[in-house]
Protein backbone atom coordinates (compact mmCIF):
# COMPACT_ATOMS: atom_id res chain seq x y z
CA MET A 1 -16.08 -22.72 -31.54
CA PRO A 2 -17.44 -25.04 -28.82
CA ILE A 3 -19.35 -23.51 -25.93
CA ALA A 4 -17.93 -24.32 -22.52
CA SER A 5 -19.96 -26.79 -20.50
CA SER A 6 -21.09 -26.11 -16.93
CA HIS A 7 -18.36 -28.53 -15.80
CA ASP A 8 -15.76 -26.40 -17.62
CA ILE A 9 -17.13 -23.24 -16.01
CA VAL A 10 -16.87 -24.86 -12.56
CA GLN A 11 -13.22 -25.74 -13.24
CA ILE A 12 -12.49 -22.20 -14.37
CA ILE A 13 -14.09 -20.79 -11.23
CA GLN A 14 -12.03 -23.18 -9.09
CA LEU A 15 -8.89 -22.05 -10.89
CA SER A 16 -9.82 -18.40 -10.26
CA ILE A 17 -10.37 -18.81 -6.51
CA ALA A 18 -6.68 -18.36 -5.57
CA PRO A 19 -6.44 -14.99 -7.34
CA VAL A 20 -9.68 -13.90 -5.63
CA PHE A 21 -8.08 -14.59 -2.24
CA LEU A 22 -5.14 -12.50 -3.38
CA ILE A 23 -7.54 -9.63 -4.06
CA ALA A 24 -8.95 -9.96 -0.52
CA GLY A 25 -5.47 -9.94 1.01
CA ILE A 26 -4.33 -6.92 -0.98
CA GLY A 27 -7.61 -5.21 -0.10
CA THR A 28 -6.77 -5.63 3.58
CA LEU A 29 -3.33 -4.15 2.93
CA LEU A 30 -4.96 -1.19 1.18
CA ASN A 31 -7.19 -0.65 4.20
CA VAL A 32 -4.11 -0.48 6.46
CA LEU A 33 -2.33 1.86 4.04
CA THR A 34 -5.24 4.27 3.71
CA SER A 35 -5.62 4.37 7.50
CA ARG A 36 -1.93 5.20 7.90
CA LEU A 37 -2.19 7.86 5.21
CA ALA A 38 -5.17 9.45 6.96
CA ARG A 39 -3.28 9.57 10.26
CA VAL A 40 -0.19 11.11 8.62
CA VAL A 41 -2.32 13.72 6.83
CA ASP A 42 -4.15 14.57 10.05
CA ARG A 43 -0.87 14.99 11.93
CA GLY A 44 0.48 17.18 9.14
CA ARG A 45 -2.56 19.43 9.34
CA VAL A 46 -2.14 19.83 13.10
CA ILE A 47 1.51 20.80 12.66
CA GLU A 48 0.64 23.27 9.89
CA GLN A 49 -1.93 24.89 12.17
CA ASP A 50 0.67 25.12 14.94
CA LEU A 51 3.13 26.76 12.55
CA ASP A 52 0.50 29.25 11.36
CA SER A 53 -0.38 30.26 14.91
CA PRO A 54 1.35 33.28 16.49
CA MET A 55 3.03 30.93 18.99
CA GLY A 56 4.51 28.77 16.18
CA SER A 57 7.85 30.53 16.01
CA GLY A 58 11.24 29.75 17.47
CA ARG A 59 12.53 26.40 18.62
CA HIS A 60 9.24 24.56 18.20
CA SER A 61 8.90 25.63 14.56
CA ASN A 62 12.21 23.95 13.67
CA ARG A 63 11.03 20.71 15.23
CA HIS A 64 7.68 21.07 13.47
CA LEU A 65 9.35 21.66 10.12
CA THR A 66 11.53 18.60 10.61
CA GLU A 67 8.46 16.53 11.46
CA LEU A 68 6.60 17.93 8.44
CA ARG A 69 9.46 16.81 6.18
CA VAL A 70 9.27 13.30 7.61
CA LEU A 71 5.47 13.27 7.23
CA ASP A 72 5.84 14.39 3.62
CA GLN A 73 8.21 11.49 2.94
CA ARG A 74 5.84 9.09 4.66
CA MET A 75 2.91 10.37 2.58
CA ASN A 76 4.91 9.81 -0.60
CA TRP A 77 5.86 6.24 0.35
CA ILE A 78 2.30 5.39 1.43
CA HIS A 79 1.01 6.84 -1.83
CA ASN A 80 3.48 4.65 -3.76
CA ALA A 81 2.38 1.60 -1.77
CA ILE A 82 -1.30 2.35 -2.43
CA MET A 83 -0.72 2.87 -6.15
CA LEU A 84 1.30 -0.33 -6.54
CA SER A 85 -1.12 -2.39 -4.44
CA THR A 86 -4.07 -1.07 -6.44
CA LEU A 87 -2.21 -1.94 -9.63
CA ALA A 88 -1.68 -5.44 -8.24
CA ILE A 89 -5.43 -5.84 -7.72
CA LEU A 90 -6.10 -4.61 -11.25
CA LEU A 91 -3.57 -7.12 -12.60
CA VAL A 92 -5.22 -9.92 -10.61
CA CYS A 93 -8.57 -8.97 -12.18
CA LEU A 94 -6.98 -9.11 -15.64
CA LEU A 95 -5.46 -12.47 -14.69
CA ILE A 96 -8.90 -13.83 -13.81
CA VAL A 97 -10.29 -12.55 -17.13
CA ALA A 98 -7.40 -14.23 -18.94
CA LEU A 99 -8.03 -17.51 -17.10
CA PHE A 100 -11.68 -17.46 -18.13
CA SER A 101 -10.78 -16.48 -21.68
CA VAL A 102 -8.42 -19.45 -22.06
CA GLU A 103 -11.31 -21.87 -21.61
CA LEU A 104 -14.12 -19.90 -23.19
CA ILE A 105 -12.31 -18.75 -26.33
CA ALA A 106 -10.04 -21.81 -26.53
CA ILE A 107 -6.86 -19.87 -27.30
CA ASP A 108 -3.48 -20.25 -25.69
CA LEU A 109 -2.98 -17.38 -23.27
CA SER A 110 -0.51 -19.21 -21.03
CA ARG A 111 2.18 -16.58 -21.60
CA VAL A 112 -0.28 -13.77 -20.94
CA VAL A 113 -1.39 -15.49 -17.72
CA ALA A 114 2.24 -15.97 -16.64
CA ILE A 115 3.15 -12.37 -17.45
CA LEU A 116 0.11 -11.06 -15.58
CA PHE A 117 0.97 -13.17 -12.55
CA ILE A 118 4.60 -12.02 -12.58
CA ALA A 119 3.50 -8.38 -13.00
CA THR A 120 1.04 -8.81 -10.11
CA MET A 121 3.75 -10.15 -7.83
CA ALA A 122 6.21 -7.42 -8.92
CA SER A 123 3.63 -4.73 -8.21
CA LEU A 124 2.76 -6.26 -4.84
CA ILE A 125 6.45 -6.55 -3.93
CA GLY A 126 6.95 -2.88 -4.86
CA GLY A 127 3.97 -1.91 -2.72
CA LEU A 128 5.26 -3.89 0.23
CA ILE A 129 8.76 -2.40 -0.12
CA SER A 130 7.22 1.09 -0.15
CA PHE A 131 5.25 0.16 2.96
CA LEU A 132 8.42 -1.05 4.70
CA ILE A 133 10.19 2.20 3.84
CA GLU A 134 7.27 4.21 5.22
CA ILE A 135 7.37 2.16 8.41
CA SER A 136 11.09 2.89 8.64
CA TYR A 137 10.43 6.65 8.44
CA ALA A 138 7.72 6.33 11.10
CA ARG A 139 10.05 4.37 13.38
CA LYS A 140 12.84 6.93 13.01
CA SER A 141 10.52 9.78 13.93
CA LEU A 142 9.24 7.85 16.93
CA ARG A 143 12.77 7.06 18.05
CA VAL A 144 13.57 10.80 18.07
CA ARG A 145 10.55 11.41 20.27
CA ALA A 146 11.66 8.64 22.65
CA GLU A 147 15.07 10.31 22.92
CA LEU A 148 13.37 13.60 23.70
CA LEU A 149 11.40 11.97 26.46
CA ALA A 150 14.48 10.21 27.84
CA SER A 151 16.39 13.49 28.06
CA ARG A 152 13.59 14.98 30.15
CA ALA A 153 13.19 12.00 32.47
CA PRO A 154 13.88 12.72 36.15
CA HIS A 155 17.34 11.62 37.30
CA HIS A 156 17.60 9.33 40.31
């Protein structure tokens, strides 16, 4: 089995640069997702404290419970997006390993490379769809709050 030359290694590294940029982009998405998750969790904790307080009964508790349900849904969708995006990064890493292996071991892994790339894109698409659904839940809950504010606006 021939050992890859330094020129071959340079070509492999060049071929692997695009997937590395994909890792950086997905990493940025993960940063956004984890920040959103932290904010949702923090809001949920505040609501739970309000519900546990002696003043947390009556009309406000119904609104709080409704908001908690929405926050729970948002947490689930963010969690899905994080899991799928992390899987996408893992698949990109495996793709890079496969690209190096093609040259170093001199075996045909073209189908493996194609399958890994397709799986990466499928996972990333799933993560982005989950993110869009979470954004939709957030928007709906904000729209309700805007309606609340509009109903309390002074009439001219």
